[in-house]
Structures are given as C-alpha cells and as structure tokens.
Amino acid sequence: MPPVDQIVDTAYDVTTQLFGPDSGIPWWAWGLVVLILFWKVLLPERKTAADRDAAMVAAMTGEGGGKKGKKKKKK
C-alpha cells in the first residue's frame, strides 16, 4: 500500500473514532467545545454608553486613528 493511501486510511479511522456514531465522545460534548472556542465571537463584550459615545465623537471629529486616505508628507 502506498504511503499516501495509508495516511488517508489512518486519518479516516481516527476521524471516525472521534466523530462517528460509535464514538465514545457524545455529540453535545463536541458542541460544547465549539461553543467555548467561539464564545468571544458569538458574544462580544458589551461597551458602556460612555465608551460608545467617546467612539462616536472620535469618529466624527477625525480623532482616534481612524484617518483613512490621509498620508503623511515626506520631507
């Protein structure tokens, strides 16, 4: 058997043992792992009203490093 076929067969066996119907790990445990990994993406931190207001004022006045399209002149 060529090495590539052996690697593919081994990967298939491992994947089947981890995620297949005869797996020792239930589906909800994998769901919990995914939820924990993406917790910050799914539920970002809430900002206070003062933080939102400061960000809005900074965006309106052009402060805060949000300057797009402006380049510094070289001397």
N, C-alpha and C. Protein backbone atom coordinates (compact mmCIF):
# COMPACT_ATOMS: atom_id res chain seq x y z
N MET A 1 0.85 -1.17 0.00
CA MET A 1 0.00 0.00 0.00
C MET A 1 0.90 1.24 0.00
N PRO A 2 0.67 2.18 -0.91
CA PRO A 2 1.48 3.40 -0.94
C PRO A 2 1.29 4.22 0.33
N PRO A 3 2.29 5.00 0.71
CA PRO A 3 2.21 5.77 1.96
C PRO A 3 1.04 6.74 2.00
N VAL A 4 0.68 7.34 0.86
CA VAL A 4 -0.43 8.30 0.85
C VAL A 4 -1.74 7.60 1.19
N ASP A 5 -1.96 6.43 0.64
CA ASP A 5 -3.18 5.69 0.96
C ASP A 5 -3.23 5.29 2.43
N GLN A 6 -2.09 4.93 2.97
CA GLN A 6 -2.03 4.56 4.39
C GLN A 6 -2.34 5.76 5.27
N ILE A 7 -1.84 6.94 4.91
CA ILE A 7 -2.11 8.16 5.68
C ILE A 7 -3.59 8.50 5.61
N VAL A 8 -4.19 8.40 4.43
CA VAL A 8 -5.61 8.71 4.28
C VAL A 8 -6.47 7.73 5.08
N ASP A 9 -6.11 6.44 5.02
CA ASP A 9 -6.88 5.44 5.77
C ASP A 9 -6.77 5.68 7.28
N THR A 10 -5.57 6.02 7.74
CA THR A 10 -5.38 6.29 9.17
C THR A 10 -6.18 7.53 9.60
N ALA A 11 -6.14 8.58 8.79
CA ALA A 11 -6.90 9.79 9.11
C ALA A 11 -8.40 9.51 9.14
N TYR A 12 -8.88 8.68 8.20
CA TYR A 12 -10.30 8.33 8.17
C TYR A 12 -10.68 7.54 9.42
N ASP A 13 -9.84 6.60 9.82
CA ASP A 13 -10.12 5.81 11.02
C ASP A 13 -10.17 6.68 12.27
N VAL A 14 -9.21 7.59 12.40
CA VAL A 14 -9.18 8.47 13.57
C VAL A 14 -10.41 9.38 13.59
N THR A 15 -10.75 9.94 12.44
CA THR A 15 -11.92 10.81 12.36
C THR A 15 -13.20 10.06 12.69
N THR A 16 -13.31 8.84 12.21
CA THR A 16 -14.49 8.03 12.51
C THR A 16 -14.59 7.72 14.00
N GLN A 17 -13.45 7.44 14.63
CA GLN A 17 -13.46 7.14 16.06
C GLN A 17 -13.80 8.36 16.90
N LEU A 18 -13.44 9.56 16.43
CA LEU A 18 -13.72 10.77 17.20
C LEU A 18 -15.14 11.28 17.00
N PHE A 19 -15.62 11.25 15.74
CA PHE A 19 -16.89 11.88 15.42
C PHE A 19 -17.98 10.93 14.97
N GLY A 20 -17.67 9.69 14.73
CA GLY A 20 -18.63 8.75 14.18
C GLY A 20 -19.69 8.31 15.19
N PRO A 21 -20.66 7.52 14.72
CA PRO A 21 -21.75 7.07 15.59
C PRO A 21 -21.26 6.13 16.71
N ASP A 22 -20.15 5.46 16.51
CA ASP A 22 -19.60 4.58 17.55
C ASP A 22 -18.57 5.27 18.42
N SER A 23 -18.53 6.58 18.35
CA SER A 23 -17.55 7.35 19.11
C SER A 23 -17.87 7.29 20.61
N GLY A 24 -16.85 7.34 21.41
CA GLY A 24 -17.04 7.38 22.85
C GLY A 24 -17.36 8.77 23.36
N ILE A 25 -17.23 9.77 22.49
CA ILE A 25 -17.49 11.16 22.87
C ILE A 25 -18.83 11.57 22.27
N PRO A 26 -19.80 11.99 23.10
CA PRO A 26 -21.13 12.34 22.58
C PRO A 26 -21.09 13.63 21.76
N TRP A 27 -22.12 13.82 20.92
CA TRP A 27 -22.17 14.98 20.03
C TRP A 27 -22.23 16.29 20.81
N TRP A 28 -22.91 16.30 21.95
CA TRP A 28 -23.06 17.54 22.70
C TRP A 28 -21.73 17.98 23.31
N ALA A 29 -20.83 17.04 23.55
CA ALA A 29 -19.52 17.42 24.07
C ALA A 29 -18.73 18.19 23.01
N TRP A 30 -18.84 17.75 21.75
CA TRP A 30 -18.17 18.48 20.67
C TRP A 30 -18.81 19.85 20.49
N GLY A 31 -20.12 19.92 20.64
CA GLY A 31 -20.81 21.22 20.55
C GLY A 31 -20.35 22.16 21.64
N LEU A 32 -20.12 21.64 22.84
CA LEU A 32 -19.62 22.45 23.94
C LEU A 32 -18.22 22.98 23.65
N VAL A 33 -17.38 22.14 23.07
CA VAL A 33 -16.02 22.57 22.71
C VAL A 33 -16.06 23.70 21.70
N VAL A 34 -16.91 23.57 20.67
CA VAL A 34 -17.03 24.62 19.66
C VAL A 34 -17.57 25.90 20.29
N LEU A 35 -18.55 25.79 21.17
CA LEU A 35 -19.11 26.96 21.84
C LEU A 35 -18.05 27.67 22.67
N ILE A 36 -17.25 26.93 23.39
CA ILE A 36 -16.19 27.53 24.21
C ILE A 36 -15.15 28.23 23.34
N LEU A 37 -14.79 27.61 22.22
CA LEU A 37 -13.79 28.20 21.34
C LEU A 37 -14.27 29.50 20.71
N PHE A 38 -15.56 29.59 20.37
CA PHE A 38 -16.09 30.77 19.69
C PHE A 38 -16.90 31.67 20.61
N TRP A 39 -16.74 31.57 21.91
CA TRP A 39 -17.52 32.35 22.87
C TRP A 39 -17.36 33.85 22.66
N LYS A 40 -16.12 34.30 22.49
CA LYS A 40 -15.87 35.74 22.32
C LYS A 40 -16.44 36.25 21.00
N VAL A 41 -16.48 35.41 19.98
CA VAL A 41 -17.03 35.84 18.69
C VAL A 41 -18.56 35.89 18.76
N LEU A 42 -19.15 34.91 19.41
CA LEU A 42 -20.61 34.85 19.48
C LEU A 42 -21.18 35.92 20.40
N LEU A 43 -20.52 36.17 21.51
CA LEU A 43 -21.00 37.16 22.48
C LEU A 43 -19.88 38.14 22.81
N PRO A 44 -19.70 39.18 21.99
CA PRO A 44 -18.64 40.14 22.28
C PRO A 44 -18.94 40.93 23.55
N GLU A 45 -17.90 41.53 24.10
CA GLU A 45 -18.07 42.30 25.33
C GLU A 45 -18.97 43.50 25.06
N ARG A 46 -19.80 43.79 26.01
CA ARG A 46 -20.68 44.95 25.88
C ARG A 46 -19.92 46.20 26.29
N LYS A 47 -20.11 47.25 25.51
CA LYS A 47 -19.49 48.52 25.83
C LYS A 47 -20.48 49.37 26.62
N THR A 48 -19.93 50.22 27.45
CA THR A 48 -20.80 51.13 28.20
C THR A 48 -21.23 52.26 27.27
N ALA A 49 -22.23 52.99 27.69
CA ALA A 49 -22.72 54.11 26.90
C ALA A 49 -21.62 55.16 26.73
N ALA A 50 -20.81 55.37 27.75
CA ALA A 50 -19.72 56.35 27.66
C ALA A 50 -18.69 55.91 26.62
N ASP A 51 -18.39 54.62 26.56
CA ASP A 51 -17.44 54.12 25.56
C ASP A 51 -17.98 54.32 24.14
N ARG A 52 -19.26 54.03 23.95
CA ARG A 52 -19.87 54.21 22.63
C ARG A 52 -19.89 55.68 22.23
N ASP A 53 -20.22 56.55 23.20
CA ASP A 53 -20.25 57.99 22.91
C ASP A 53 -18.87 58.51 22.56
N ALA A 54 -17.86 58.07 23.29
CA ALA A 54 -16.50 58.51 23.02
C ALA A 54 -16.04 58.04 21.64
N ALA A 55 -16.39 56.83 21.26
CA ALA A 55 -16.02 56.32 19.95
C ALA A 55 -16.74 57.09 18.85
N MET A 56 -18.00 57.45 19.07
CA MET A 56 -18.75 58.20 18.08
C MET A 56 -18.19 59.61 17.91
N VAL A 57 -17.86 60.26 19.02
CA VAL A 57 -17.28 61.60 18.95
C VAL A 57 -15.92 61.55 18.27
N ALA A 58 -15.11 60.54 18.58
CA ALA A 58 -13.80 60.41 17.95
C ALA A 58 -13.93 60.18 16.45
N ALA A 59 -14.94 59.41 16.04
CA ALA A 59 -15.14 59.17 14.61
C ALA A 59 -15.63 60.43 13.90
N MET A 60 -16.46 61.22 14.57
CA MET A 60 -16.99 62.43 13.95
C MET A 60 -15.94 63.53 13.85
N THR A 61 -15.05 63.61 14.83
CA THR A 61 -14.04 64.67 14.82
C THR A 61 -12.78 64.26 14.08
N GLY A 62 -12.67 63.00 13.71
CA GLY A 62 -11.49 62.55 12.97
C GLY A 62 -10.35 62.14 13.88
N GLU A 63 -10.60 62.02 15.15
CA GLU A 63 -9.57 61.61 16.10
C GLU A 63 -9.61 60.10 16.28
N GLY A 64 -8.63 59.58 16.97
CA GLY A 64 -8.66 58.18 17.34
C GLY A 64 -8.02 57.25 16.33
N GLY A 65 -7.24 57.77 15.40
CA GLY A 65 -6.52 56.91 14.48
C GLY A 65 -7.37 56.35 13.35
N GLY A 66 -8.57 56.85 13.18
CA GLY A 66 -9.42 56.34 12.13
C GLY A 66 -9.31 57.15 10.85
N LYS A 67 -8.15 57.74 10.61
CA LYS A 67 -7.95 58.59 9.44
C LYS A 67 -7.68 57.71 8.24
N LYS A 68 -8.60 57.72 7.31
CA LYS A 68 -8.43 56.92 6.10
C LYS A 68 -8.07 57.84 4.95
N GLY A 69 -7.14 57.42 4.16
CA GLY A 69 -6.81 58.15 2.96
C GLY A 69 -5.85 59.30 3.17
N LYS A 70 -5.50 59.63 4.37
CA LYS A 70 -4.57 60.73 4.63
C LYS A 70 -3.19 60.14 4.83
N LYS A 71 -2.26 60.67 4.05
CA LYS A 71 -0.89 60.20 4.14
C LYS A 71 -0.01 61.32 4.67
N LYS A 72 1.00 60.93 5.40
CA LYS A 72 1.96 61.92 5.89
C LYS A 72 2.91 62.30 4.76
N LYS A 73 3.24 63.56 4.72
CA LYS A 73 4.16 64.05 3.68
C LYS A 73 5.59 63.77 4.11
N LYS A 74 6.37 63.32 3.16
CA LYS A 74 7.79 63.08 3.43
C LYS A 74 8.57 64.36 3.13
N LYS A 75 9.51 64.66 3.99
CA LYS A 75 10.34 65.86 3.77
C LYS A 75 11.71 65.49 3.32
